[in-house]
Amino acid sequence: MKLLRTIRLDPSDTFVFPNAAEPGEWAVPGAFMFAERDPDALEGKARAAFRAGFLGVQSLGWSTLVQIVEASDEDRDSAVKALAQQLSDRFGAPSMADAEAAANEEFAFAASLCNHPLDTLIALHRTHDGGEIREAFRTLRPKDGPKPLRAFSFFDVEGDEEPGERVDLKALAVKERGTP
């Protein structure tokens, strides 16, 4: 089976969201986190989480992107139990059975988003319209190759030669603005 895991291509989630999910957490869309809040009244980081965040189950932190990965039945059971425990401990679910039922629903919905190849990245856009929360999902795949592209790549250079040209970004920015 396939499920969603958080992924962090750069550190921006740590600046954008009130609490960033750790890379590799099991994830669900997490709209339930806003059920008791007025989305139109959200500001700053909470608003960013509402608009574009997937919920990491272990940390209840947010991630801009999730990745479709292979998961075992044990992985799913463990993730459902972790979310159920969060729903019980942090949100006061009436019983553990109710919490597990809600967590199962969240993971069933998350699994329904996984009808794409493994390693596909998914982004979400959440809106509040007419008293309802609406979610739109889009997939991100590299044109060539099955793996997602990395934000940065580093290459080892063998030998003593260094590039002959250096770029001073600060000087270029100052020149572009026309200030000394």
C-alpha atoms as a PDB file:
ATOM      1  CA  MET A   1       0.000   0.000   0.000  1.00  0.00           C
ATOM      2  CA  LYS A   2       1.011   3.633  -0.398  1.00  0.00           C
ATOM      3  CA  LEU A   3       0.874   6.404   2.192  1.00  0.00           C
ATOM      4  CA  LEU A   4       2.159   9.957   2.561  1.00  0.00           C
ATOM      5  CA  ARG A   5       5.345  11.000   4.345  1.00  0.00           C
ATOM      6  CA  THR A   6       6.509  14.529   5.018  1.00  0.00           C
ATOM      7  CA  ILE A   7       9.496  15.743   3.040  1.00  0.00           C
ATOM      8  CA  ARG A   8      11.580  18.877   3.416  1.00  0.00           C
ATOM      9  CA  LEU A   9      13.491  20.077   0.364  1.00  0.00           C
ATOM     10  CA  ASP A  10      14.682  23.238   2.089  1.00  0.00           C
ATOM     11  CA  PRO A  11      14.318  24.816   5.554  1.00  0.00           C
ATOM     12  CA  SER A  12      11.391  27.084   4.594  1.00  0.00           C
ATOM     13  CA  ASP A  13       8.804  25.043   6.562  1.00  0.00           C
ATOM     14  CA  THR A  14      10.648  25.942   9.760  1.00  0.00           C
ATOM     15  CA  PHE A  15      10.083  29.641   9.002  1.00  0.00           C
ATOM     16  CA  VAL A  16       6.620  29.490   7.474  1.00  0.00           C
ATOM     17  CA  PHE A  17       4.670  27.297   9.903  1.00  0.00           C
ATOM     18  CA  PRO A  18       4.115  27.613  13.660  1.00  0.00           C
ATOM     19  CA  ASN A  19       5.496  24.080  14.036  1.00  0.00           C
ATOM     20  CA  ALA A  20       7.253  22.302  11.180  1.00  0.00           C
ATOM     21  CA  ALA A  21       6.886  18.546  10.796  1.00  0.00           C
ATOM     22  CA  GLU A  22      10.059  16.515  10.855  1.00  0.00           C
ATOM     23  CA  PRO A  23      11.005  14.983   7.500  1.00  0.00           C
ATOM     24  CA  GLY A  24       9.791  11.400   7.189  1.00  0.00           C
ATOM     25  CA  GLU A  25       6.715  11.589   9.422  1.00  0.00           C
ATOM     26  CA  TRP A  26       3.534   9.874   8.305  1.00  0.00           C
ATOM     27  CA  ALA A  27       1.187  12.575   7.092  1.00  0.00           C
ATOM     28  CA  VAL A  28      -2.482  13.358   6.520  1.00  0.00           C
ATOM     29  CA  PRO A  29      -4.009  16.532   5.074  1.00  0.00           C
ATOM     30  CA  GLY A  30      -5.076  17.570   8.592  1.00  0.00           C
ATOM     31  CA  ALA A  31      -7.999  19.905   7.879  1.00  0.00           C
ATOM     32  CA  PHE A  32      -9.555  18.723  11.146  1.00  0.00           C
ATOM     33  CA  MET A  33      -7.023  20.916  12.942  1.00  0.00           C
ATOM     34  CA  PHE A  34      -9.059  23.931  11.810  1.00  0.00           C
ATOM     35  CA  ALA A  35     -12.529  22.569  12.581  1.00  0.00           C
ATOM     36  CA  GLU A  36     -12.999  24.720  15.688  1.00  0.00           C
ATOM     37  CA  ARG A  37     -11.306  27.814  14.280  1.00  0.00           C
ATOM     38  CA  ASP A  38     -12.465  30.525  11.939  1.00  0.00           C
ATOM     39  CA  PRO A  39     -10.090  30.176   8.963  1.00  0.00           C
ATOM     40  CA  ASP A  40     -10.788  33.767   7.911  1.00  0.00           C
ATOM     41  CA  ALA A  41      -9.460  34.999  11.255  1.00  0.00           C
ATOM     42  CA  LEU A  42      -6.141  33.124  10.996  1.00  0.00           C
ATOM     43  CA  GLU A  43      -3.024  35.217  10.590  1.00  0.00           C
ATOM     44  CA  GLY A  44       0.653  34.699   9.940  1.00  0.00           C
ATOM     45  CA  LYS A  45       2.043  31.217  10.408  1.00  0.00           C
ATOM     46  CA  ALA A  46      -1.328  29.716  11.375  1.00  0.00           C
ATOM     47  CA  ARG A  47      -2.770  31.050   8.125  1.00  0.00           C
ATOM     48  CA  ALA A  48       0.136  29.523   6.184  1.00  0.00           C
ATOM     49  CA  ALA A  49      -0.538  26.151   7.837  1.00  0.00           C
ATOM     50  CA  PHE A  50      -4.203  26.425   6.896  1.00  0.00           C
ATOM     51  CA  ARG A  51      -3.481  27.337   3.298  1.00  0.00           C
ATOM     52  CA  ALA A  52      -0.747  24.853   2.441  1.00  0.00           C
ATOM     53  CA  GLY A  53       0.107  22.475   5.267  1.00  0.00           C
ATOM     54  CA  PHE A  54       0.020  18.696   5.503  1.00  0.00           C
ATOM     55  CA  LEU A  55      -0.039  17.454   9.085  1.00  0.00           C
ATOM     56  CA  GLY A  56       2.802  15.293  10.387  1.00  0.00           C
ATOM     57  CA  VAL A  57       1.215  12.716  12.689  1.00  0.00           C
ATOM     58  CA  GLN A  58       3.955  12.390  15.303  1.00  0.00           C
ATOM     59  CA  SER A  59       4.715  16.085  15.851  1.00  0.00           C
ATOM     60  CA  LEU A  60       1.433  17.660  14.746  1.00  0.00           C
ATOM     61  CA  GLY A  61       3.725  19.894  12.726  1.00  0.00           C
ATOM     62  CA  TRP A  62       3.176  21.090   9.183  1.00  0.00           C
ATOM     63  CA  SER A  63       4.868  20.256   5.891  1.00  0.00           C
ATOM     64  CA  THR A  64       4.449  21.988   2.539  1.00  0.00           C
ATOM     65  CA  LEU A  65       5.069  18.784   0.606  1.00  0.00           C
ATOM     66  CA  VAL A  66       4.481  15.097   1.128  1.00  0.00           C
ATOM     67  CA  GLN A  67       5.871  12.168  -0.785  1.00  0.00           C
ATOM     68  CA  ILE A  68       4.058   9.005  -1.829  1.00  0.00           C
ATOM     69  CA  VAL A  69       5.906   6.044  -0.332  1.00  0.00           C
ATOM     70  CA  GLU A  70       5.397   2.324   0.054  1.00  0.00           C
ATOM     71  CA  ALA A  71       4.011   1.338   3.463  1.00  0.00           C
ATOM     72  CA  SER A  72       3.341  -1.979   5.139  1.00  0.00           C
ATOM     73  CA  ASP A  73       0.194  -2.879   7.050  1.00  0.00           C
ATOM     74  CA  GLU A  74       2.249  -2.483  10.229  1.00  0.00           C
ATOM     75  CA  ASP A  75       3.327   1.017   9.164  1.00  0.00           C
ATOM     76  CA  ARG A  76      -0.290   2.014   8.591  1.00  0.00           C
ATOM     77  CA  ASP A  77      -1.457   0.492  11.880  1.00  0.00           C
ATOM     78  CA  SER A  78       1.318   2.283  13.761  1.00  0.00           C
ATOM     79  CA  ALA A  79       0.525   5.600  12.079  1.00  0.00           C
ATOM     80  CA  VAL A  80      -3.204   5.245  12.800  1.00  0.00           C
ATOM     81  CA  LYS A  81      -2.472   4.470  16.453  1.00  0.00           C
ATOM     82  CA  ALA A  82      -0.136   7.465  16.721  1.00  0.00           C
ATOM     83  CA  LEU A  83      -2.773   9.805  15.281  1.00  0.00           C
ATOM     84  CA  ALA A  84      -5.486   8.252  17.468  1.00  0.00           C
ATOM     85  CA  GLN A  85      -3.324   8.872  20.529  1.00  0.00           C
ATOM     86  CA  GLN A  86      -2.874  12.516  19.477  1.00  0.00           C
ATOM     87  CA  LEU A  87      -6.640  12.858  18.974  1.00  0.00           C
ATOM     88  CA  SER A  88      -7.232  11.437  22.437  1.00  0.00           C
ATOM     89  CA  ASP A  89      -4.471  13.299  24.299  1.00  0.00           C
ATOM     90  CA  ARG A  90      -4.505  16.679  22.551  1.00  0.00           C
ATOM     91  CA  PHE A  91      -8.061  16.987  21.279  1.00  0.00           C
ATOM     92  CA  GLY A  92     -10.115  15.144  23.891  1.00  0.00           C
ATOM     93  CA  ALA A  93     -11.653  12.429  21.716  1.00  0.00           C
ATOM     94  CA  PRO A  94     -14.583  10.880  23.634  1.00  0.00           C
ATOM     95  CA  SER A  95     -12.965   7.441  23.588  1.00  0.00           C
ATOM     96  CA  MET A  96      -9.976   5.665  22.097  1.00  0.00           C
ATOM     97  CA  ALA A  97     -12.359   3.792  19.774  1.00  0.00           C
ATOM     98  CA  ASP A  98     -13.677   7.125  18.458  1.00  0.00           C
ATOM     99  CA  ALA A  99     -10.129   8.421  18.072  1.00  0.00           C
ATOM    100  CA  GLU A 100      -9.087   5.303  16.131  1.00  0.00           C
ATOM    101  CA  ALA A 101     -12.135   5.569  13.866  1.00  0.00           C
ATOM    102  CA  ALA A 102     -11.297   9.216  13.088  1.00  0.00           C
ATOM    103  CA  ALA A 103      -7.627   8.373  12.521  1.00  0.00           C
ATOM    104  CA  ASN A 104      -8.609   5.543  10.170  1.00  0.00           C
ATOM    105  CA  GLU A 105     -10.753   7.979   8.171  1.00  0.00           C
ATOM    106  CA  GLU A 106      -7.848  10.443   7.923  1.00  0.00           C
ATOM    107  CA  PHE A 107      -5.487   7.746   6.664  1.00  0.00           C
ATOM    108  CA  ALA A 108      -8.068   6.361   4.240  1.00  0.00           C
ATOM    109  CA  PHE A 109      -8.364   9.838   2.743  1.00  0.00           C
ATOM    110  CA  ALA A 110      -4.566  10.231   2.663  1.00  0.00           C
ATOM    111  CA  ALA A 111      -4.239   6.842   0.918  1.00  0.00           C
ATOM    112  CA  SER A 112      -6.806   7.956  -1.680  1.00  0.00           C
ATOM    113  CA  LEU A 113      -4.322  10.655  -2.743  1.00  0.00           C
ATOM    114  CA  CYS A 114      -1.675   8.014  -3.458  1.00  0.00           C
ATOM    115  CA  ASN A 115      -2.926   6.827  -6.851  1.00  0.00           C
ATOM    116  CA  HIS A 116       0.266   8.154  -8.469  1.00  0.00           C
ATOM    117  CA  PRO A 117       3.701   6.541  -8.802  1.00  0.00           C
ATOM    118  CA  LEU A 118       5.923   6.161  -5.754  1.00  0.00           C
ATOM    119  CA  ASP A 119       8.068   9.211  -4.928  1.00  0.00           C
ATOM    120  CA  THR A 120       5.530  11.629  -6.424  1.00  0.00           C
ATOM    121  CA  LEU A 121       5.340  14.823  -4.386  1.00  0.00           C
ATOM    122  CA  ILE A 122       1.971  16.305  -3.468  1.00  0.00           C
ATOM    123  CA  ALA A 123       1.200  19.897  -2.536  1.00  0.00           C
ATOM    124  CA  LEU A 124      -2.103  21.198  -1.226  1.00  0.00           C
ATOM    125  CA  HIS A 125      -4.042  24.426  -1.348  1.00  0.00           C
ATOM    126  CA  ARG A 126      -6.768  24.854   1.268  1.00  0.00           C
ATOM    127  CA  THR A 127      -9.452  27.542   1.151  1.00  0.00           C
ATOM    128  CA  HIS A 128     -12.474  28.542   3.189  1.00  0.00           C
ATOM    129  CA  ASP A 129     -15.497  29.190   1.027  1.00  0.00           C
ATOM    130  CA  GLY A 130     -19.122  29.486   2.051  1.00  0.00           C
ATOM    131  CA  GLY A 131     -18.472  28.069   5.494  1.00  0.00           C
ATOM    132  CA  GLU A 132     -16.704  24.998   4.079  1.00  0.00           C
ATOM    133  CA  ILE A 133     -13.056  24.060   3.947  1.00  0.00           C
ATOM    134  CA  ARG A 134     -12.024  23.012   0.448  1.00  0.00           C
ATOM    135  CA  GLU A 135      -8.781  21.302  -0.485  1.00  0.00           C
ATOM    136  CA  ALA A 136      -7.118  21.052  -3.877  1.00  0.00           C
ATOM    137  CA  PHE A 137      -4.111  18.786  -4.422  1.00  0.00           C
ATOM    138  CA  ARG A 138      -1.479  18.867  -7.128  1.00  0.00           C
ATOM    139  CA  THR A 139       1.262  16.432  -7.953  1.00  0.00           C
ATOM    140  CA  LEU A 140       4.850  17.313  -8.671  1.00  0.00           C
ATOM    141  CA  ARG A 141       6.963  14.884 -10.678  1.00  0.00           C
ATOM    142  CA  PRO A 142      10.233  15.305 -12.512  1.00  0.00           C
ATOM    143  CA  LYS A 143       9.909  15.048 -16.297  1.00  0.00           C
ATOM    144  CA  ASP A 144      12.666  12.458 -16.585  1.00  0.00           C
ATOM    145  CA  GLY A 145      13.155   9.808 -13.948  1.00  0.00           C
ATOM    146  CA  PRO A 146      11.177   8.305 -11.111  1.00  0.00           C
ATOM    147  CA  LYS A 147      12.800  10.152  -8.188  1.00  0.00           C
ATOM    148  CA  PRO A 148      11.946  13.701  -7.092  1.00  0.00           C
ATOM    149  CA  LEU A 149      14.533  16.312  -7.850  1.00  0.00           C
ATOM    150  CA  ARG A 150      16.597  17.625  -4.986  1.00  0.00           C
ATOM    151  CA  ALA A 151      16.560  21.309  -4.179  1.00  0.00           C
ATOM    152  CA  PHE A 152      20.367  21.338  -4.088  1.00  0.00           C
ATOM    153  CA  SER A 153      23.031  18.968  -5.355  1.00  0.00           C
ATOM    154  CA  PHE A 154      26.658  18.901  -4.321  1.00  0.00           C
ATOM    155  CA  PHE A 155      29.458  17.529  -6.421  1.00  0.00           C
ATOM    156  CA  ASP A 156      32.917  16.434  -5.388  1.00  0.00           C
ATOM    157  CA  VAL A 157      35.712  17.943  -7.456  1.00  0.00           C
ATOM    158  CA  GLU A 158      38.788  15.826  -7.807  1.00  0.00           C
ATOM    159  CA  GLY A 159      42.187  17.428  -8.259  1.00  0.00           C
ATOM    160  CA  ASP A 160      43.604  20.783  -7.258  1.00  0.00           C
ATOM    161  CA  GLU A 161      41.914  22.916  -9.873  1.00  0.00           C
ATOM    162  CA  GLU A 162      39.370  25.440  -8.720  1.00  0.00           C
ATOM    163  CA  PRO A 163      37.025  27.357 -10.953  1.00  0.00           C
ATOM    164  CA  GLY A 164      38.699  30.487 -12.320  1.00  0.00           C
ATOM    165  CA  GLU A 165      35.602  32.630 -12.110  1.00  0.00           C
ATOM    166  CA  ARG A 166      34.004  33.853  -8.889  1.00  0.00           C
ATOM    167  CA  VAL A 167      30.681  35.626  -8.562  1.00  0.00           C
ATOM    168  CA  ASP A 168      30.102  38.271  -5.875  1.00  0.00           C
ATOM    169  CA  LEU A 169      26.321  38.166  -5.369  1.00  0.00           C
ATOM    170  CA  LYS A 170      26.343  41.074  -2.946  1.00  0.00           C
ATOM    171  CA  ALA A 171      28.140  43.319  -5.406  1.00  0.00           C
ATOM    172  CA  LEU A 172      25.748  42.310  -8.165  1.00  0.00           C
ATOM    173  CA  ALA A 173      22.746  43.148  -5.979  1.00  0.00           C
ATOM    174  CA  VAL A 174      24.173  46.546  -5.069  1.00  0.00           C
ATOM    175  CA  LYS A 175      24.951  47.275  -8.734  1.00  0.00           C
ATOM    176  CA  GLU A 176      21.425  46.189  -9.751  1.00  0.00           C
ATOM    177  CA  ARG A 177      19.840  48.610  -7.258  1.00  0.00           C
ATOM    178  CA  GLY A 178      22.182  51.374  -8.355  1.00  0.00           C
ATOM    179  CA  THR A 179      23.520  52.041  -4.864  1.00  0.00           C
ATOM    180  CA  PRO A 180      27.208  52.065  -3.977  1.00  0.00           C
END
